[in-house]
Amino acid sequence: MKAVWEKVFEYASMPVHGSLSRKLRKGIRVQINEGKIYSEATLFLGEEYVRISEEEGQGEAINTYVDWNKVESVRTYSEQEEAGRKRK
């Protein structure tokens, strides 16, 4: 399943120039295993883990590490396009 989760994360993010990290695309939020929803995080897709980096409050950096083998679900959230919202 790792390959599937990698594709989901790649869809939801874009490469950060000059690094192996990926920044979430504008308007995209990600949730892993029904946990916290990340909206302005940077992802690092390692061989054995995913690192989610985010900033909180007064410049505090928070890194969360998730073992690929422990990823059971990934949910993405995005705004629905205007044309798709109102169907008649």
PDB file of N, CA and C in Angstrom:
ATOM      1  N   MET A   1       0.803  -1.208   0.000  1.00  0.00           N
ATOM      2  CA  MET A   1       0.000   0.000   0.000  1.00  0.00           C
ATOM      3  C   MET A   1       0.847   1.273   0.000  1.00  0.00           C
ATOM      4  N   LYS A   2       2.092   1.172   0.358  1.00  0.00           N
ATOM      5  CA  LYS A   2       2.933   2.368   0.425  1.00  0.00           C
ATOM      6  C   LYS A   2       2.897   3.150  -0.886  1.00  0.00           C
ATOM      7  N   ALA A   3       2.958   2.450  -2.013  1.00  0.00           N
ATOM      8  CA  ALA A   3       2.950   3.128  -3.316  1.00  0.00           C
ATOM      9  C   ALA A   3       1.659   3.918  -3.528  1.00  0.00           C
ATOM     10  N   VAL A   4       0.543   3.382  -3.061  1.00  0.00           N
ATOM     11  CA  VAL A   4      -0.743   4.081  -3.185  1.00  0.00           C
ATOM     12  C   VAL A   4      -0.730   5.341  -2.329  1.00  0.00           C
ATOM     13  N   TRP A   5      -0.291   5.219  -1.073  1.00  0.00           N
ATOM     14  CA  TRP A   5      -0.255   6.388  -0.189  1.00  0.00           C
ATOM     15  C   TRP A   5       0.697   7.447  -0.725  1.00  0.00           C
ATOM     16  N   GLU A   6       1.822   7.033  -1.286  1.00  0.00           N
ATOM     17  CA  GLU A   6       2.750   8.006  -1.876  1.00  0.00           C
ATOM     18  C   GLU A   6       2.076   8.801  -2.979  1.00  0.00           C
ATOM     19  N   LYS A   7       1.304   8.134  -3.828  1.00  0.00           N
ATOM     20  CA  LYS A   7       0.594   8.828  -4.915  1.00  0.00           C
ATOM     21  C   LYS A   7      -0.424   9.820  -4.365  1.00  0.00           C
ATOM     22  N   VAL A   8      -1.119   9.445  -3.297  1.00  0.00           N
ATOM     23  CA  VAL A   8      -2.094  10.356  -2.686  1.00  0.00           C
ATOM     24  C   VAL A   8      -1.380  11.600  -2.166  1.00  0.00           C
ATOM     25  N   PHE A   9      -0.263  11.395  -1.453  1.00  0.00           N
ATOM     26  CA  PHE A   9       0.494  12.532  -0.925  1.00  0.00           C
ATOM     27  C   PHE A   9       1.074  13.392  -2.049  1.00  0.00           C
ATOM     28  N   GLU A  10       1.514  12.755  -3.119  1.00  0.00           N
ATOM     29  CA  GLU A  10       2.049  13.514  -4.257  1.00  0.00           C
ATOM     30  C   GLU A  10       0.954  14.355  -4.907  1.00  0.00           C
ATOM     31  N   TYR A  11      -0.247  13.812  -5.016  1.00  0.00           N
ATOM     32  CA  TYR A  11      -1.377  14.553  -5.565  1.00  0.00           C
ATOM     33  C   TYR A  11      -1.672  15.794  -4.712  1.00  0.00           C
ATOM     34  N   ALA A  12      -1.605  15.625  -3.392  1.00  0.00           N
ATOM     35  CA  ALA A  12      -1.997  16.684  -2.472  1.00  0.00           C
ATOM     36  C   ALA A  12      -0.914  17.732  -2.245  1.00  0.00           C
ATOM     37  N   SER A  13       0.270  17.510  -2.786  1.00  0.00           N
ATOM     38  CA  SER A  13       1.387  18.403  -2.491  1.00  0.00           C
ATOM     39  C   SER A  13       2.197  18.709  -3.739  1.00  0.00           C
ATOM     40  N   MET A  14       3.163  19.613  -3.571  1.00  0.00           N
ATOM     41  CA  MET A  14       4.064  19.947  -4.678  1.00  0.00           C
ATOM     42  C   MET A  14       5.483  20.009  -4.122  1.00  0.00           C
ATOM     43  N   PRO A  15       6.471  19.702  -4.949  1.00  0.00           N
ATOM     44  CA  PRO A  15       7.859  19.702  -4.459  1.00  0.00           C
ATOM     45  C   PRO A  15       8.301  21.080  -3.983  1.00  0.00           C
ATOM     46  N   VAL A  16       9.102  21.082  -2.928  1.00  0.00           N
ATOM     47  CA  VAL A  16       9.730  22.304  -2.442  1.00  0.00           C
ATOM     48  C   VAL A  16      11.076  22.396  -3.154  1.00  0.00           C
ATOM     49  N   HIS A  17      11.301  23.477  -3.891  1.00  0.00           N
ATOM     50  CA  HIS A  17      12.510  23.639  -4.692  1.00  0.00           C
ATOM     51  C   HIS A  17      13.768  23.418  -3.850  1.00  0.00           C
ATOM     52  N   GLY A  18      14.663  22.576  -4.354  1.00  0.00           N
ATOM     53  CA  GLY A  18      15.950  22.351  -3.710  1.00  0.00           C
ATOM     54  C   GLY A  18      15.910  21.411  -2.514  1.00  0.00           C
ATOM     55  N   SER A  19      14.803  20.672  -2.354  1.00  0.00           N
ATOM     56  CA  SER A  19      14.735  19.727  -1.244  1.00  0.00           C
ATOM     57  C   SER A  19      13.915  18.504  -1.660  1.00  0.00           C
ATOM     58  N   LEU A  20      13.862  17.536  -0.789  1.00  0.00           N
ATOM     59  CA  LEU A  20      13.051  16.346  -1.036  1.00  0.00           C
ATOM     60  C   LEU A  20      11.671  16.463  -0.394  1.00  0.00           C
ATOM     61  N   SER A  21      11.399  17.601   0.213  1.00  0.00           N
ATOM     62  CA  SER A  21      10.129  17.817   0.897  1.00  0.00           C
ATOM     63  C   SER A  21       9.055  18.279  -0.083  1.00  0.00           C
ATOM     64  N   ARG A  22       7.808  18.185   0.357  1.00  0.00           N
ATOM     65  CA  ARG A  22       6.672  18.567  -0.454  1.00  0.00           C
ATOM     66  C   ARG A  22       5.724  19.416   0.390  1.00  0.00           C
ATOM     67  N   LYS A  23       5.305  20.549  -0.137  1.00  0.00           N
ATOM     68  CA  LYS A  23       4.386  21.469   0.548  1.00  0.00           C
ATOM     69  C   LYS A  23       2.965  21.149   0.088  1.00  0.00           C
ATOM     70  N   LEU A  24       2.019  21.121   1.027  1.00  0.00           N
ATOM     71  CA  LEU A  24       0.628  20.898   0.634  1.00  0.00           C
ATOM     72  C   LEU A  24       0.189  21.987  -0.342  1.00  0.00           C
ATOM     73  N   ARG A  25      -0.560  21.585  -1.353  1.00  0.00           N
ATOM     74  CA  ARG A  25      -1.071  22.556  -2.322  1.00  0.00           C
ATOM     75  C   ARG A  25      -2.071  23.487  -1.639  1.00  0.00           C
ATOM     76  N   LYS A  26      -2.195  24.684  -2.188  1.00  0.00           N
ATOM     77  CA  LYS A  26      -3.127  25.675  -1.642  1.00  0.00           C
ATOM     78  C   LYS A  26      -4.546  25.093  -1.668  1.00  0.00           C
ATOM     79  N   GLY A  27      -5.218  25.202  -0.543  1.00  0.00           N
ATOM     80  CA  GLY A  27      -6.595  24.730  -0.454  1.00  0.00           C
ATOM     81  C   GLY A  27      -6.742  23.246  -0.183  1.00  0.00           C
ATOM     82  N   ILE A  28      -5.642  22.525  -0.038  1.00  0.00           N
ATOM     83  CA  ILE A  28      -5.688  21.083   0.222  1.00  0.00           C
ATOM     84  C   ILE A  28      -5.330  20.829   1.680  1.00  0.00           C
ATOM     85  N   ARG A  29      -6.105  19.979   2.322  1.00  0.00           N
ATOM     86  CA  ARG A  29      -5.809  19.537   3.683  1.00  0.00           C
ATOM     87  C   ARG A  29      -5.721  18.018   3.671  1.00  0.00           C
ATOM     88  N   VAL A  30      -4.904  17.468   4.564  1.00  0.00           N
ATOM     89  CA  VAL A  30      -4.661  16.027   4.600  1.00  0.00           C
ATOM     90  C   VAL A  30      -4.897  15.506   6.015  1.00  0.00           C
ATOM     91  N   GLN A  31      -5.484  14.318   6.085  1.00  0.00           N
ATOM     92  CA  GLN A  31      -5.713  13.654   7.362  1.00  0.00           C
ATOM     93  C   GLN A  31      -5.223  12.216   7.243  1.00  0.00           C
ATOM     94  N   ILE A  32      -4.429  11.768   8.210  1.00  0.00           N
ATOM     95  CA  ILE A  32      -3.904  10.400   8.213  1.00  0.00           C
ATOM     96  C   ILE A  32      -4.569   9.627   9.341  1.00  0.00           C
ATOM     97  N   ASN A  33      -5.101   8.453   9.011  1.00  0.00           N
ATOM     98  CA  ASN A  33      -5.712   7.555  10.000  1.00  0.00           C
ATOM     99  C   ASN A  33      -6.771   8.240  10.862  1.00  0.00           C
ATOM    100  N   GLU A  34      -7.589   9.096  10.276  1.00  0.00           N
ATOM    101  CA  GLU A  34      -8.669   9.779  10.999  1.00  0.00           C
ATOM    102  C   GLU A  34      -8.146  10.651  12.140  1.00  0.00           C
ATOM    103  N   GLY A  35      -6.872  11.061  12.050  1.00  0.00           N
ATOM    104  CA  GLY A  35      -6.264  11.892  13.089  1.00  0.00           C
ATOM    105  C   GLY A  35      -6.377  13.371  12.763  1.00  0.00           C
ATOM    106  N   LYS A  36      -5.359  14.109  13.151  1.00  0.00           N
ATOM    107  CA  LYS A  36      -5.317  15.556  12.948  1.00  0.00           C
ATOM    108  C   LYS A  36      -5.397  15.898  11.456  1.00  0.00           C
ATOM    109  N   ILE A  37      -6.043  17.011  11.155  1.00  0.00           N
ATOM    110  CA  ILE A  37      -6.110  17.491   9.774  1.00  0.00           C
ATOM    111  C   ILE A  37      -5.030  18.555   9.601  1.00  0.00           C
ATOM    112  N   TYR A  38      -4.140  18.339   8.642  1.00  0.00           N
ATOM    113  CA  TYR A  38      -3.034  19.254   8.369  1.00  0.00           C
ATOM    114  C   TYR A  38      -3.397  20.135   7.182  1.00  0.00           C
ATOM    115  N   SER A  39      -3.231  21.452   7.340  1.00  0.00           N
ATOM    116  CA  SER A  39      -3.608  22.354   6.256  1.00  0.00           C
ATOM    117  C   SER A  39      -2.429  23.116   5.660  1.00  0.00           C
ATOM    118  N   GLU A  40      -1.397  23.370   6.426  1.00  0.00           N
ATOM    119  CA  GLU A  40      -0.256  24.115   5.905  1.00  0.00           C
ATOM    120  C   GLU A  40       1.033  23.402   6.271  1.00  0.00           C
ATOM    121  N   ALA A  41       1.054  22.118   6.042  1.00  0.00           N
ATOM    122  CA  ALA A  41       2.199  21.302   6.438  1.00  0.00           C
ATOM    123  C   ALA A  41       3.124  21.035   5.257  1.00  0.00           C
ATOM    124  N   THR A  42       4.340  20.635   5.599  1.00  0.00           N
ATOM    125  CA  THR A  42       5.308  20.167   4.620  1.00  0.00           C
ATOM    126  C   THR A  42       5.533  18.688   4.883  1.00  0.00           C
ATOM    127  N   LEU A  43       5.503  17.895   3.823  1.00  0.00           N
ATOM    128  CA  LEU A  43       5.664  16.451   3.939  1.00  0.00           C
ATOM    129  C   LEU A  43       7.038  16.025   3.467  1.00  0.00           C
ATOM    130  N   PHE A  44       7.588  15.011   4.113  1.00  0.00           N
ATOM    131  CA  PHE A  44       8.785  14.344   3.627  1.00  0.00           C
ATOM    132  C   PHE A  44       8.425  12.875   3.529  1.00  0.00           C
ATOM    133  N   LEU A  45       8.519  12.320   2.317  1.00  0.00           N
ATOM    134  CA  LEU A  45       8.145  10.929   2.077  1.00  0.00           C
ATOM    135  C   LEU A  45       9.411  10.077   2.092  1.00  0.00           C
ATOM    136  N   GLY A  46       9.779   9.589   3.261  1.00  0.00           N
ATOM    137  CA  GLY A  46      10.970   8.773   3.409  1.00  0.00           C
ATOM    138  C   GLY A  46      10.714   7.326   3.011  1.00  0.00           C
ATOM    139  N   GLU A  47      11.740   6.520   3.078  1.00  0.00           N
ATOM    140  CA  GLU A  47      11.601   5.103   2.744  1.00  0.00           C
ATOM    141  C   GLU A  47      10.741   4.358   3.758  1.00  0.00           C
ATOM    142  N   GLU A  48      10.891   4.681   5.043  1.00  0.00           N
ATOM    143  CA  GLU A  48      10.206   3.940   6.091  1.00  0.00           C
ATOM    144  C   GLU A  48       9.145   4.751   6.830  1.00  0.00           C
ATOM    145  N   TYR A  49       9.108   6.062   6.592  1.00  0.00           N
ATOM    146  CA  TYR A  49       8.172   6.906   7.332  1.00  0.00           C
ATOM    147  C   TYR A  49       7.795   8.141   6.528  1.00  0.00           C
ATOM    148  N   VAL A  50       6.719   8.784   6.980  1.00  0.00           N
ATOM    149  CA  VAL A  50       6.296  10.098   6.474  1.00  0.00           C
ATOM    150  C   VAL A  50       6.539  11.077   7.613  1.00  0.00           C
ATOM    151  N   ARG A  51       7.198  12.197   7.308  1.00  0.00           N
ATOM    152  CA  ARG A  51       7.362  13.256   8.310  1.00  0.00           C
ATOM    153  C   ARG A  51       6.469  14.413   7.902  1.00  0.00           C
ATOM    154  N   ILE A  52       5.665  14.882   8.858  1.00  0.00           N
ATOM    155  CA  ILE A  52       4.800  16.032   8.632  1.00  0.00           C
ATOM    156  C   ILE A  52       5.339  17.170   9.487  1.00  0.00           C
ATOM    157  N   SER A  53       5.774  18.253   8.840  1.00  0.00           N
ATOM    158  CA  SER A  53       6.332  19.412   9.544  1.00  0.00           C
ATOM    159  C   SER A  53       5.347  20.562   9.456  1.00  0.00           C
ATOM    160  N   GLU A  54       5.148  21.222  10.589  1.00  0.00           N
ATOM    161  CA  GLU A  54       4.252  22.369  10.627  1.00  0.00           C
ATOM    162  C   GLU A  54       4.773  23.371  11.643  1.00  0.00           C
ATOM    163  N   GLU A  55       4.311  24.600  11.526  1.00  0.00           N
ATOM    164  CA  GLU A  55       4.676  25.660  12.466  1.00  0.00           C
ATOM    165  C   GLU A  55       3.451  26.040  13.273  1.00  0.00           C
ATOM    166  N   GLU A  56       3.665  26.293  14.559  1.00  0.00           N
ATOM    167  CA  GLU A  56       2.572  26.715  15.423  1.00  0.00           C
ATOM    168  C   GLU A  56       2.982  27.949  16.200  1.00  0.00           C
ATOM    169  N   GLY A  57       2.021  28.775  16.449  1.00  0.00           N
ATOM    170  CA  GLY A  57       2.228  29.923  17.326  1.00  0.00           C
ATOM    171  C   GLY A  57       3.432  30.767  16.986  1.00  0.00           C
ATOM    172  N   GLN A  58       4.319  30.920  17.945  1.00  0.00           N
ATOM    173  CA  GLN A  58       5.444  31.840  17.841  1.00  0.00           C
ATOM    174  C   GLN A  58       6.694  31.149  17.299  1.00  0.00           C
ATOM    175  N   GLY A  59       6.586  30.608  16.099  1.00  0.00           N
ATOM    176  CA  GLY A  59       7.745  30.019  15.436  1.00  0.00           C
ATOM    177  C   GLY A  59       8.124  28.642  15.925  1.00  0.00           C
ATOM    178  N   GLU A  60       7.224  27.956  16.608  1.00  0.00           N
ATOM    179  CA  GLU A  60       7.514  26.616  17.098  1.00  0.00           C
ATOM    180  C   GLU A  60       7.344  25.612  15.955  1.00  0.00           C
ATOM    181  N   ALA A  61       8.363  24.794  15.733  1.00  0.00           N
ATOM    182  CA  ALA A  61       8.308  23.771  14.688  1.00  0.00           C
ATOM    183  C   ALA A  61       7.867  22.452  15.307  1.00  0.00           C
ATOM    184  N   ILE A  62       6.896  21.799  14.664  1.00  0.00           N
ATOM    185  CA  ILE A  62       6.396  20.510  15.129  1.00  0.00           C
ATOM    186  C   ILE A  62       6.583  19.508  14.000  1.00  0.00           C
ATOM    187  N   ASN A  63       7.231  18.395  14.304  1.00  0.00           N
ATOM    188  CA  ASN A  63       7.421  17.309  13.340  1.00  0.00           C
ATOM    189  C   ASN A  63       6.717  16.068  13.855  1.00  0.00           C
ATOM    190  N   THR A  64       5.882  15.482  13.013  1.00  0.00           N
ATOM    191  CA  THR A  64       5.185  14.242  13.341  1.00  0.00           C
ATOM    192  C   THR A  64       5.681  13.179  12.376  1.00  0.00           C
ATOM    193  N   TYR A  65       6.022  12.023  12.900  1.00  0.00           N
ATOM    194  CA  TYR A  65       6.546  10.917  12.090  1.00  0.00           C
ATOM    195  C   TYR A  65       5.539   9.770  12.110  1.00  0.00           C
ATOM    196  N   VAL A  66       5.221   9.247  10.925  1.00  0.00           N
ATOM    197  CA  VAL A  66       4.272   8.149  10.809  1.00  0.00           C
ATOM    198  C   VAL A  66       4.937   7.022  10.020  1.00  0.00           C
ATOM    199  N   ASP A  67       4.958   5.845  10.602  1.00  0.00           N
ATOM    200  CA  ASP A  67       5.495   4.647   9.947  1.00  0.00           C
ATOM    201  C   ASP A  67       4.589   4.290   8.760  1.00  0.00           C
ATOM    202  N   TRP A  68       5.168   4.070   7.586  1.00  0.00           N
ATOM    203  CA  TRP A  68       4.368   3.712   6.408  1.00  0.00           C
ATOM    204  C   TRP A  68       3.466   2.525   6.711  1.00  0.00           C
ATOM    205  N   ASN A  69       3.970   1.559   7.485  1.00  0.00           N
ATOM    206  CA  ASN A  69       3.189   0.363   7.792  1.00  0.00           C
ATOM    207  C   ASN A  69       1.997   0.652   8.695  1.00  0.00           C
ATOM    208  N   LYS A  70       1.973   1.806   9.321  1.00  0.00           N
ATOM    209  CA  LYS A  70       0.867   2.182  10.212  1.00  0.00           C
ATOM    210  C   LYS A  70      -0.180   3.048   9.520  1.00  0.00           C
ATOM    211  N   VAL A  71       0.087   3.465   8.284  1.00  0.00           N
ATOM    212  CA  VAL A  71      -0.886   4.274   7.545  1.00  0.00           C
ATOM    213  C   VAL A  71      -1.997   3.358   7.053  1.00  0.00           C
ATOM    214  N   GLU A  72      -3.189   3.569   7.571  1.00  0.00           N
ATOM    215  CA  GLU A  72      -4.339   2.765   7.176  1.00  0.00           C
ATOM    216  C   GLU A  72      -5.293   3.529   6.272  1.00  0.00           C
ATOM    217  N   SER A  73      -5.292   4.866   6.412  1.00  0.00           N
ATOM    218  CA  SER A  73      -6.147   5.676   5.555  1.00  0.00           C
ATOM    219  C   SER A  73      -5.562   7.074   5.430  1.00  0.00           C
ATOM    220  N   VAL A  74      -5.807   7.682   4.272  1.00  0.00           N
ATOM    221  CA  VAL A  74      -5.428   9.074   4.033  1.00  0.00           C
ATOM    222  C   VAL A  74      -6.647   9.748   3.427  1.00  0.00           C
ATOM    223  N   ARG A  75      -7.025  10.858   4.022  1.00  0.00           N
ATOM    224  CA  ARG A  75      -8.172  11.618   3.528  1.00  0.00           C
ATOM    225  C   ARG A  75      -7.667  12.978   3.069  1.00  0.00           C
ATOM    226  N   THR A  76      -8.119  13.419   1.899  1.00  0.00           N
ATOM    227  CA  THR A  76      -7.786  14.759   1.432  1.00  0.00           C
ATOM    228  C   THR A  76      -9.060  15.589   1.394  1.00  0.00           C
ATOM    229  N   TYR A  77      -8.913  16.868   1.714  1.00  0.00           N
ATOM    230  CA  TYR A  77     -10.016  17.817   1.692  1.00  0.00           C
ATOM    231  C   TYR A  77      -9.641  18.945   0.743  1.00  0.00           C
ATOM    232  N   SER A  78     -10.585  19.356  -0.089  1.00  0.00           N
ATOM    233  CA  SER A  78     -10.358  20.500  -0.965  1.00  0.00           C
ATOM    234  C   SER A  78     -11.706  21.143  -1.276  1.00  0.00           C
ATOM    235  N   GLU A  79     -11.648  22.375  -1.716  1.00  0.00           N
ATOM    236  CA  GLU A  79     -12.866  23.081  -2.106  1.00  0.00           C
ATOM    237  C   GLU A  79     -13.403  22.469  -3.389  1.00  0.00           C
ATOM    238  N   GLN A  80     -14.698  22.287  -3.425  1.00  0.00           N
ATOM    239  CA  GLN A  80     -15.346  21.784  -4.614  1.00  0.00           C
ATOM    240  C   GLN A  80     -15.449  22.910  -5.625  1.00  0.00           C
ATOM    241  N   GLU A  81     -15.233  22.602  -6.894  1.00  0.00           N
ATOM    242  CA  GLU A  81     -15.324  23.640  -7.925  1.00  0.00           C
ATOM    243  C   GLU A  81     -16.743  24.161  -8.007  1.00  0.00           C
ATOM    244  N   GLU A  82     -16.881  25.445  -8.315  1.00  0.00           N
ATOM    245  CA  GLU A  82     -18.183  26.109  -8.358  1.00  0.00           C
ATOM    246  C   GLU A  82     -19.162  25.388  -9.284  1.00  0.00           C
ATOM    247  N   ALA A  83     -18.707  24.948 -10.442  1.00  0.00           N
ATOM    248  CA  ALA A  83     -19.597  24.293 -11.408  1.00  0.00           C
ATOM    249  C   ALA A  83     -20.157  22.988 -10.848  1.00  0.00           C
ATOM    250  N   GLY A  84     -19.379  22.320 -10.015  1.00  0.00           N
ATOM    251  CA  GLY A  84     -19.826  21.048  -9.460  1.00  0.00           C
ATOM    252  C   GLY A  84     -20.719  21.189  -8.245  1.00  0.00           C
ATOM    253  N   ARG A  85     -20.760  22.359  -7.635  1.00  0.00           N
ATOM    254  CA  ARG A  85     -21.553  22.566  -6.423  1.00  0.00           C
ATOM    255  C   ARG A  85     -23.042  22.575  -6.692  1.00  0.00           C
ATOM    256  N   LYS A  86     -23.454  23.278  -7.741  1.00  0.00           N
ATOM    257  CA  LYS A  86     -24.889  23.448  -8.010  1.00  0.00           C
ATOM    258  C   LYS A  86     -25.247  22.749  -9.310  1.00  0.00           C
ATOM    259  N   ARG A  87     -25.750  21.557  -9.169  1.00  0.00           N
ATOM    260  CA  ARG A  87     -26.195  20.839 -10.358  1.00  0.00           C
ATOM    261  C   ARG A  87     -27.706  20.895 -10.415  1.00  0.00           C
ATOM    262  N   LYS A  88     -28.212  21.160 -11.598  1.00  0.00           N
ATOM    263  CA  LYS A  88     -29.672  21.264 -11.767  1.00  0.00           C
ATOM    264  C   LYS A  88     -30.165  20.187 -12.677  1.00  0.00           C
TER     265      LYS A  88
END
